[in-house]
Every structure is written in C-alpha cells, then in structure tokens.
PDB file of all heavy atoms in Angstrom:
ATOM      1  N   TYR A   1      19.808  15.778  -8.949  1.00  0.00           N
ATOM      2  CA  TYR A   1      20.413  14.787  -8.061  1.00  0.00           C
ATOM      3  C   TYR A   1      21.644  15.372  -7.375  1.00  0.00           C
ATOM      4  O   TYR A   1      21.805  15.283  -6.152  1.00  0.00           O
ATOM      5  CB  TYR A   1      20.796  13.521  -8.841  1.00  0.00           C
ATOM      6  CG  TYR A   1      19.678  12.535  -9.023  1.00  0.00           C
ATOM      7  CD1 TYR A   1      18.808  12.642 -10.102  1.00  0.00           C
ATOM      8  CD2 TYR A   1      19.474  11.508  -8.113  1.00  0.00           C
ATOM      9  CE1 TYR A   1      17.770  11.746 -10.288  1.00  0.00           C
ATOM     10  CE2 TYR A   1      18.432  10.606  -8.279  1.00  0.00           C
ATOM     11  CZ  TYR A   1      17.584  10.729  -9.374  1.00  0.00           C
ATOM     12  OH  TYR A   1      16.546   9.840  -9.527  1.00  0.00           O
ATOM     13  N   GLU A   2      22.531  15.999  -8.168  1.00  0.00           N
ATOM     14  CA  GLU A   2      23.739  16.599  -7.614  1.00  0.00           C
ATOM     15  C   GLU A   2      23.418  17.722  -6.632  1.00  0.00           C
ATOM     16  O   GLU A   2      24.072  17.865  -5.595  1.00  0.00           O
ATOM     17  CB  GLU A   2      24.624  17.133  -8.740  1.00  0.00           C
ATOM     18  CG  GLU A   2      25.209  16.049  -9.636  1.00  0.00           C
ATOM     19  CD  GLU A   2      24.360  15.795 -10.865  1.00  0.00           C
ATOM     20  OE1 GLU A   2      23.124  15.989 -10.791  1.00  0.00           O
ATOM     21  OE2 GLU A   2      24.925  15.409 -11.893  1.00  0.00           O
ATOM     22  N   ALA A   3      22.402  18.518  -6.956  1.00  0.00           N
ATOM     23  CA  ALA A   3      22.036  19.629  -6.074  1.00  0.00           C
ATOM     24  C   ALA A   3      21.552  19.126  -4.727  1.00  0.00           C
ATOM     25  O   ALA A   3      21.932  19.658  -3.665  1.00  0.00           O
ATOM     26  CB  ALA A   3      20.957  20.484  -6.741  1.00  0.00           C
ATOM     27  N   TYR A   4      20.712  18.103  -4.724  1.00  0.00           N
ATOM     28  CA  TYR A   4      20.221  17.559  -3.460  1.00  0.00           C
ATOM     29  C   TYR A   4      21.329  16.853  -2.688  1.00  0.00           C
ATOM     30  O   TYR A   4      21.370  16.912  -1.448  1.00  0.00           O
ATOM     31  CB  TYR A   4      19.051  16.606  -3.710  1.00  0.00           C
ATOM     32  CG  TYR A   4      17.729  17.308  -3.917  1.00  0.00           C
ATOM     33  CD1 TYR A   4      17.125  17.353  -5.166  1.00  0.00           C
ATOM     34  CD2 TYR A   4      17.088  17.946  -2.855  1.00  0.00           C
ATOM     35  CE1 TYR A   4      15.906  18.000  -5.356  1.00  0.00           C
ATOM     36  CE2 TYR A   4      15.877  18.594  -3.034  1.00  0.00           C
ATOM     37  CZ  TYR A   4      15.293  18.619  -4.290  1.00  0.00           C
ATOM     38  OH  TYR A   4      14.098  19.264  -4.462  1.00  0.00           O
ATOM     39  N   GLN A   5      22.244  16.198  -3.370  1.00  0.00           N
ATOM     40  CA  GLN A   5      23.363  15.564  -2.700  1.00  0.00           C
ATOM     41  C   GLN A   5      24.250  16.613  -2.036  1.00  0.00           C
ATOM     42  O   GLN A   5      24.757  16.402  -0.926  1.00  0.00           O
ATOM     43  CB  GLN A   5      24.161  14.730  -3.702  1.00  0.00           C
ATOM     44  CG  GLN A   5      23.438  13.468  -4.156  1.00  0.00           C
ATOM     45  CD  GLN A   5      24.028  12.861  -5.417  1.00  0.00           C
ATOM     46  OE1 GLN A   5      24.967  13.408  -6.013  1.00  0.00           O
ATOM     47  NE2 GLN A   5      23.465  11.743  -5.854  1.00  0.00           N
ATOM     48  N   TYR A   6      24.427  17.753  -2.714  1.00  0.00           N
ATOM     49  CA  TYR A   6      25.257  18.837  -2.168  1.00  0.00           C
ATOM     50  C   TYR A   6      24.638  19.411  -0.901  1.00  0.00           C
ATOM     51  O   TYR A   6      25.324  19.670   0.086  1.00  0.00           O
ATOM     52  CB  TYR A   6      25.410  19.919  -3.235  1.00  0.00           C
ATOM     53  CG  TYR A   6      26.303  21.078  -2.840  1.00  0.00           C
ATOM     54  CD1 TYR A   6      27.669  21.043  -3.086  1.00  0.00           C
ATOM     55  CD2 TYR A   6      25.776  22.221  -2.240  1.00  0.00           C
ATOM     56  CE1 TYR A   6      28.492  22.106  -2.739  1.00  0.00           C
ATOM     57  CE2 TYR A   6      26.583  23.287  -1.881  1.00  0.00           C
ATOM     58  CZ  TYR A   6      27.945  23.220  -2.139  1.00  0.00           C
ATOM     59  OH  TYR A   6      28.748  24.271  -1.786  1.00  0.00           O
ATOM     60  N   SER A   7      23.326  19.597  -0.932  1.00  0.00           N
ATOM     61  CA  SER A   7      22.667  20.273   0.192  1.00  0.00           C
ATOM     62  C   SER A   7      22.151  19.314   1.260  1.00  0.00           C
ATOM     63  O   SER A   7      21.979  19.706   2.411  1.00  0.00           O
ATOM     64  CB  SER A   7      21.495  21.121  -0.311  1.00  0.00           C
ATOM     65  OG  SER A   7      20.533  20.308  -0.963  1.00  0.00           O
ATOM     66  N   GLY A   8      21.915  18.048   0.886  1.00  0.00           N
ATOM     67  CA  GLY A   8      21.260  17.137   1.817  1.00  0.00           C
ATOM     68  C   GLY A   8      22.139  16.141   2.518  1.00  0.00           C
ATOM     69  O   GLY A   8      21.682  15.443   3.442  1.00  0.00           O
ATOM     70  N   GLY A   9      23.410  16.044   2.094  1.00  0.00           N
ATOM     71  CA  GLY A   9      24.312  15.106   2.747  1.00  0.00           C
ATOM     72  C   GLY A   9      23.869  13.658   2.577  1.00  0.00           C
ATOM     73  O   GLY A   9      23.238  13.291   1.581  1.00  0.00           O
ATOM     74  N   GLU A  10      24.172  12.827   3.561  1.00  0.00           N
ATOM     75  CA  GLU A  10      23.877  11.398   3.469  1.00  0.00           C
ATOM     76  C   GLU A  10      22.382  11.116   3.347  1.00  0.00           C
ATOM     77  O   GLU A  10      21.981  10.100   2.775  1.00  0.00           O
ATOM     78  CB  GLU A  10      24.440  10.657   4.690  1.00  0.00           C
ATOM     79  CG  GLU A  10      25.969  10.656   4.762  1.00  0.00           C
ATOM     80  CD  GLU A  10      26.474   9.886   5.960  1.00  0.00           C
ATOM     81  OE1 GLU A  10      25.629   9.372   6.741  1.00  0.00           O
ATOM     82  OE2 GLU A  10      27.704   9.787   6.140  1.00  0.00           O
ATOM     83  N   ASN A  11      21.567  12.002   3.874  1.00  0.00           N
ATOM     84  CA  ASN A  11      20.116  11.795   3.881  1.00  0.00           C
ATOM     85  C   ASN A  11      19.430  12.494   2.704  1.00  0.00           C
ATOM     86  O   ASN A  11      18.240  12.789   2.758  1.00  0.00           O
ATOM     87  CB  ASN A  11      19.535  12.317   5.211  1.00  0.00           C
ATOM     88  CG  ASN A  11      18.151  11.764   5.486  1.00  0.00           C
ATOM     89  OD1 ASN A  11      17.863  10.605   5.205  1.00  0.00           O
ATOM     90  ND2 ASN A  11      17.289  12.595   6.055  1.00  0.00           N
ATOM     91  N   TRP A  12      20.158  12.711   1.632  1.00  0.00           N
ATOM     92  CA  TRP A  12      19.651  13.555   0.551  1.00  0.00           C
ATOM     93  C   TRP A  12      18.401  12.998  -0.112  1.00  0.00           C
ATOM     94  O   TRP A  12      17.557  13.765  -0.570  1.00  0.00           O
ATOM     95  CB  TRP A  12      20.737  13.784  -0.496  1.00  0.00           C
ATOM     96  CG  TRP A  12      21.122  12.578  -1.303  1.00  0.00           C
ATOM     97  CD1 TRP A  12      22.064  11.651  -0.990  1.00  0.00           C
ATOM     98  CD2 TRP A  12      20.579  12.174  -2.560  1.00  0.00           C
ATOM     99  NE1 TRP A  12      22.137  10.692  -1.965  1.00  0.00           N
ATOM    100  CE2 TRP A  12      21.248  10.987  -2.946  1.00  0.00           C
ATOM    101  CE3 TRP A  12      19.596  12.703  -3.404  1.00  0.00           C
ATOM    102  CZ2 TRP A  12      20.960  10.319  -4.131  1.00  0.00           C
ATOM    103  CZ3 TRP A  12      19.304  12.046  -4.591  1.00  0.00           C
ATOM    104  CH2 TRP A  12      19.977  10.868  -4.939  1.00  0.00           C
ATOM    105  N   LYS A  13      18.224  11.693  -0.160  1.00  0.00           N
ATOM    106  CA  LYS A  13      17.049  11.141  -0.833  1.00  0.00           C
ATOM    107  C   LYS A  13      15.752  11.504  -0.103  1.00  0.00           C
ATOM    108  O   LYS A  13      14.698  11.606  -0.731  1.00  0.00           O
ATOM    109  CB  LYS A  13      17.178   9.626  -0.966  1.00  0.00           C
ATOM    110  CG  LYS A  13      18.205   9.189  -1.998  1.00  0.00           C
ATOM    111  CD  LYS A  13      18.182   7.691  -2.218  1.00  0.00           C
ATOM    112  CE  LYS A  13      19.180   7.295  -3.291  1.00  0.00           C
ATOM    113  NZ  LYS A  13      19.168   5.833  -3.551  1.00  0.00           N
ATOM    114  N   ALA A  14      15.830  11.708   1.191  1.00  0.00           N
ATOM    115  CA  ALA A  14      14.634  12.075   1.950  1.00  0.00           C
ATOM    116  C   ALA A  14      14.121  13.447   1.539  1.00  0.00           C
ATOM    117  O   ALA A  14      12.911  13.714   1.583  1.00  0.00           O
ATOM    118  CB  ALA A  14      14.920  12.054   3.448  1.00  0.00           C
ATOM    119  N   THR A  15      15.024  14.335   1.113  1.00  0.00           N
ATOM    120  CA  THR A  15      14.616  15.694   0.737  1.00  0.00           C
ATOM    121  C   THR A  15      14.462  15.858  -0.776  1.00  0.00           C
ATOM    122  O   THR A  15      13.766  16.760  -1.234  1.00  0.00           O
ATOM    123  CB  THR A  15      15.620  16.730   1.256  1.00  0.00           C
ATOM    124  OG1 THR A  15      16.922  16.456   0.712  1.00  0.00           O
ATOM    125  CG2 THR A  15      15.710  16.671   2.772  1.00  0.00           C
ATOM    126  N   ALA A  16      15.107  14.965  -1.563  1.00  0.00           N
ATOM    127  CA  ALA A  16      14.966  15.042  -3.016  1.00  0.00           C
ATOM    128  C   ALA A  16      13.551  14.725  -3.463  1.00  0.00           C
ATOM    129  O   ALA A  16      13.182  14.994  -4.611  1.00  0.00           O
ATOM    130  CB  ALA A  16      15.948  14.085  -3.691  1.00  0.00           C
ATOM    131  N   SER A  17      12.745  14.181  -2.561  1.00  0.00           N
ATOM    132  CA  SER A  17      11.346  13.856  -2.858  1.00  0.00           C
ATOM    133  C   SER A  17      10.423  15.047  -2.643  1.00  0.00           C
ATOM    134  O   SER A  17       9.204  14.887  -2.579  1.00  0.00           O
ATOM    135  CB  SER A  17      10.897  12.723  -1.944  1.00  0.00           C
ATOM    136  OG  SER A  17      11.040  13.120  -0.583  1.00  0.00           O
ATOM    137  N   TYR A  18      10.993  16.248  -2.544  1.00  0.00           N
ATOM    138  CA  TYR A  18      10.196  17.453  -2.306  1.00  0.00           C
ATOM    139  C   TYR A  18       9.043  17.529  -3.316  1.00  0.00           C
ATOM    140  O   TYR A  18       9.257  17.446  -4.529  1.00  0.00           O
ATOM    141  CB  TYR A  18      11.092  18.687  -2.441  1.00  0.00           C
ATOM    142  CG  TYR A  18      10.442  19.966  -1.978  1.00  0.00           C
ATOM    143  CD1 TYR A  18      10.396  20.298  -0.632  1.00  0.00           C
ATOM    144  CD2 TYR A  18       9.879  20.843  -2.896  1.00  0.00           C
ATOM    145  CE1 TYR A  18       9.804  21.480  -0.209  1.00  0.00           C
ATOM    146  CE2 TYR A  18       9.281  22.015  -2.485  1.00  0.00           C
ATOM    147  CZ  TYR A  18       9.251  22.326  -1.142  1.00  0.00           C
ATOM    148  OH  TYR A  18       8.654  23.493  -0.725  1.00  0.00           O
ATOM    149  N   PRO A  19       7.799  17.696  -2.847  1.00  0.00           N
ATOM    150  CA  PRO A  19       6.642  17.669  -3.755  1.00  0.00           C
ATOM    151  C   PRO A  19       6.711  18.774  -4.812  1.00  0.00           C
ATOM    152  O   PRO A  19       6.888  19.955  -4.462  1.00  0.00           O
ATOM    153  CB  PRO A  19       5.451  17.882  -2.807  1.00  0.00           C
ATOM    154  CG  PRO A  19       5.935  17.395  -1.479  1.00  0.00           C
ATOM    155  CD  PRO A  19       7.389  17.775  -1.431  1.00  0.00           C
ATOM    156  N   PRO A  20       6.581  18.436  -6.081  1.00  0.00           N
ATOM    157  CA  PRO A  20       6.687  19.450  -7.140  1.00  0.00           C
ATOM    158  C   PRO A  20       5.756  20.647  -6.952  1.00  0.00           C
ATOM    159  O   PRO A  20       6.142  21.785  -7.210  1.00  0.00           O
ATOM    160  CB  PRO A  20       6.337  18.665  -8.404  1.00  0.00           C
ATOM    161  CG  PRO A  20       6.740  17.269  -8.103  1.00  0.00           C
ATOM    162  CD  PRO A  20       6.436  17.079  -6.646  1.00  0.00           C
ATOM    163  N   LEU A  21       4.524  20.403  -6.492  1.00  0.00           N
ATOM    164  CA  LEU A  21       3.569  21.508  -6.348  1.00  0.00           C
ATOM    165  C   LEU A  21       3.851  22.401  -5.140  1.00  0.00           C
ATOM    166  O   LEU A  21       3.239  23.456  -5.007  1.00  0.00           O
ATOM    167  CB  LEU A  21       2.140  20.971  -6.288  1.00  0.00           C
ATOM    168  CG  LEU A  21       1.581  20.488  -7.631  1.00  0.00           C
ATOM    169  CD1 LEU A  21       0.252  19.762  -7.436  1.00  0.00           C
ATOM    170  CD2 LEU A  21       1.420  21.642  -8.619  1.00  0.00           C
ATOM    171  N   LEU A  22       4.775  21.999  -4.261  1.00  0.00           N
ATOM    172  CA  LEU A  22       5.193  22.894  -3.181  1.00  0.00           C
ATOM    173  C   LEU A  22       6.337  23.797  -3.625  1.00  0.00           C
ATOM    174  O   LEU A  22       6.853  24.591  -2.832  1.00  0.00           O
ATOM    175  CB  LEU A  22       5.609  22.095  -1.935  1.00  0.00           C
ATOM    176  CG  LEU A  22       4.496  21.328  -1.225  1.00  0.00           C
ATOM    177  CD1 LEU A  22       5.002  20.780   0.108  1.00  0.00           C
ATOM    178  CD2 LEU A  22       3.265  22.203  -0.987  1.00  0.00           C
ATOM    179  N   TYR A  23       6.728  23.671  -4.879  1.00  0.00           N
ATOM    180  CA  TYR A  23       7.726  24.555  -5.488  1.00  0.00           C
ATOM    181  C   TYR A  23       7.096  25.155  -6.746  1.00  0.00           C
ATOM    182  O   TYR A  23       7.556  24.964  -7.854  1.00  0.00           O
ATOM    183  CB  TYR A  23       8.970  23.735  -5.829  1.00  0.00           C
ATOM    184  CG  TYR A  23      10.179  24.522  -6.277  1.00  0.00           C
ATOM    185  CD1 TYR A  23      10.607  25.644  -5.586  1.00  0.00           C
ATOM    186  CD2 TYR A  23      10.911  24.102  -7.380  1.00  0.00           C
ATOM    187  CE1 TYR A  23      11.725  26.349  -5.989  1.00  0.00           C
ATOM    188  CE2 TYR A  23      12.035  24.794  -7.795  1.00  0.00           C
ATOM    189  CZ  TYR A  23      12.441  25.917  -7.094  1.00  0.00           C
ATOM    190  OH  TYR A  23      13.553  26.612  -7.503  1.00  0.00           O
ATOM    191  N   PRO A  24       5.983  25.907  -6.566  1.00  0.00           N
ATOM    192  CA  PRO A  24       5.136  26.288  -7.702  1.00  0.00           C
ATOM    193  C   PRO A  24       5.425  27.659  -8.275  1.00  0.00           C
ATOM    194  O   PRO A  24       4.801  28.063  -9.256  1.00  0.00           O
ATOM    195  CB  PRO A  24       3.744  26.309  -7.063  1.00  0.00           C
ATOM    196  CG  PRO A  24       4.019  26.904  -5.700  1.00  0.00           C
ATOM    197  CD  PRO A  24       5.377  26.347  -5.298  1.00  0.00           C
ATOM    198  N   THR A  25       6.344  28.399  -7.669  1.00  0.00           N
ATOM    199  CA  THR A  25       6.381  29.835  -7.944  1.00  0.00           C
ATOM    200  C   THR A  25       6.927  30.179  -9.325  1.00  0.00           C
ATOM    201  O   THR A  25       6.619  31.238  -9.865  1.00  0.00           O
ATOM    202  CB  THR A  25       7.193  30.567  -6.863  1.00  0.00           C
ATOM    203  OG1 THR A  25       8.531  30.036  -6.840  1.00  0.00           O
ATOM    204  CG2 THR A  25       6.558  30.385  -5.498  1.00  0.00           C
ATOM    205  N   HIS A  26       7.757  29.300  -9.920  1.00  0.00           N
ATOM    206  CA  HIS A  26       8.233  29.588 -11.280  1.00  0.00           C
ATOM    207  C   HIS A  26       7.077  29.533 -12.278  1.00  0.00           C
ATOM    208  O   HIS A  26       6.944  30.409 -13.137  1.00  0.00           O
ATOM    209  CB  HIS A  26       9.309  28.587 -11.689  1.00  0.00           C
ATOM    210  CG  HIS A  26      10.576  28.699 -10.904  1.00  0.00           C
ATOM    211  ND1 HIS A  26      11.020  29.878 -10.342  1.00  0.00           N
ATOM    212  CD2 HIS A  26      11.513  27.766 -10.588  1.00  0.00           C
ATOM    213  CE1 HIS A  26      12.162  29.674  -9.720  1.00  0.00           C
ATOM    214  NE2 HIS A  26      12.478  28.392  -9.849  1.00  0.00           N
ATOM    215  N   SER A  27       6.239  28.505 -12.180  1.00  0.00           N
ATOM    216  CA  SER A  27       5.138  28.360 -13.130  1.00  0.00           C
ATOM    217  C   SER A  27       3.979  29.301 -12.800  1.00  0.00           C
ATOM    218  O   SER A  27       3.474  30.009 -13.680  1.00  0.00           O
ATOM    219  CB  SER A  27       4.654  26.914 -13.168  1.00  0.00           C
ATOM    220  OG  SER A  27       4.320  26.434 -11.884  1.00  0.00           O
ATOM    221  N   VAL A  28       3.558  29.341 -11.529  1.00  0.00           N
ATOM    222  CA  VAL A  28       2.453  30.215 -11.132  1.00  0.00           C
ATOM    223  C   VAL A  28       2.862  31.686 -11.240  1.00  0.00           C
ATOM    224  O   VAL A  28       2.117  32.524 -11.776  1.00  0.00           O
ATOM    225  CB  VAL A  28       1.987  29.891  -9.701  1.00  0.00           C
ATOM    226  CG1 VAL A  28       0.953  30.908  -9.223  1.00  0.00           C
ATOM    227  CG2 VAL A  28       1.418  28.475  -9.627  1.00  0.00           C
ATOM    228  N   GLY A  29       4.061  32.006 -10.745  1.00  0.00           N
ATOM    229  CA  GLY A  29       4.517  33.398 -10.770  1.00  0.00           C
ATOM    230  C   GLY A  29       4.714  33.929 -12.169  1.00  0.00           C
ATOM    231  O   GLY A  29       4.479  35.112 -12.434  1.00  0.00           O
ATOM    232  N   GLY A  30       5.141  33.060 -13.091  1.00  0.00           N
ATOM    233  CA  GLY A  30       5.311  33.508 -14.467  1.00  0.00           C
ATOM    234  C   GLY A  30       4.003  33.875 -15.127  1.00  0.00           C
ATOM    235  O   GLY A  30       3.946  34.779 -15.964  1.00  0.00           O
ATOM    236  N   VAL A  31       2.926  33.174 -14.760  1.00  0.00           N
ATOM    237  CA  VAL A  31       1.592  33.506 -15.280  1.00  0.00           C
ATOM    238  C   VAL A  31       1.049  34.753 -14.595  1.00  0.00           C
ATOM    239  O   VAL A  31       0.652  35.737 -15.249  1.00  0.00           O
ATOM    240  CB  VAL A  31       0.626  32.319 -15.094  1.00  0.00           C
ATOM    241  CG1 VAL A  31      -0.808  32.753 -15.398  1.00  0.00           C
ATOM    242  CG2 VAL A  31       1.038  31.145 -15.975  1.00  0.00           C
ATOM    243  N   LEU A  32       1.010  34.734 -13.257  1.00  0.00           N
ATOM    244  CA  LEU A  32       0.396  35.846 -12.525  1.00  0.00           C
ATOM    245  C   LEU A  32       1.252  37.111 -12.548  1.00  0.00           C
ATOM    246  O   LEU A  32       0.745  38.206 -12.305  1.00  0.00           O
ATOM    247  CB  LEU A  32       0.115  35.423 -11.083  1.00  0.00           C
ATOM    248  CG  LEU A  32      -0.896  34.280 -10.915  1.00  0.00           C
ATOM    249  CD1 LEU A  32      -1.137  34.005  -9.431  1.00  0.00           C
ATOM    250  CD2 LEU A  32      -2.216  34.610 -11.615  1.00  0.00           C
ATOM    251  N   GLY A  33       2.542  36.957 -12.862  1.00  0.00           N
ATOM    252  CA  GLY A  33       3.393  38.132 -13.009  1.00  0.00           C
ATOM    253  C   GLY A  33       3.004  38.988 -14.199  1.00  0.00           C
ATOM    254  O   GLY A  33       3.363  40.162 -14.275  1.00  0.00           O
TER     255      GLY A  33
END
C-alpha cells in the first residue's frame, strides 16, 4: 500500500490493482533459472 501511494500519487488505487500474473518473473524466473 505504501509503495503504491509513494509512486502513484492521488490516483494510486488505480495502479495498485496491477494484475498479479503480469508480475510473474520472481516465481517463474526462480523455477526456470
């Protein structure tokens, strides 16, 4: 919450809804690495 508020300003809730599977590289990369 704090991270999105820092980066997103007043409209932070619109970006805090970023789809989890569009940020897959920690889980996928850890396996395929």
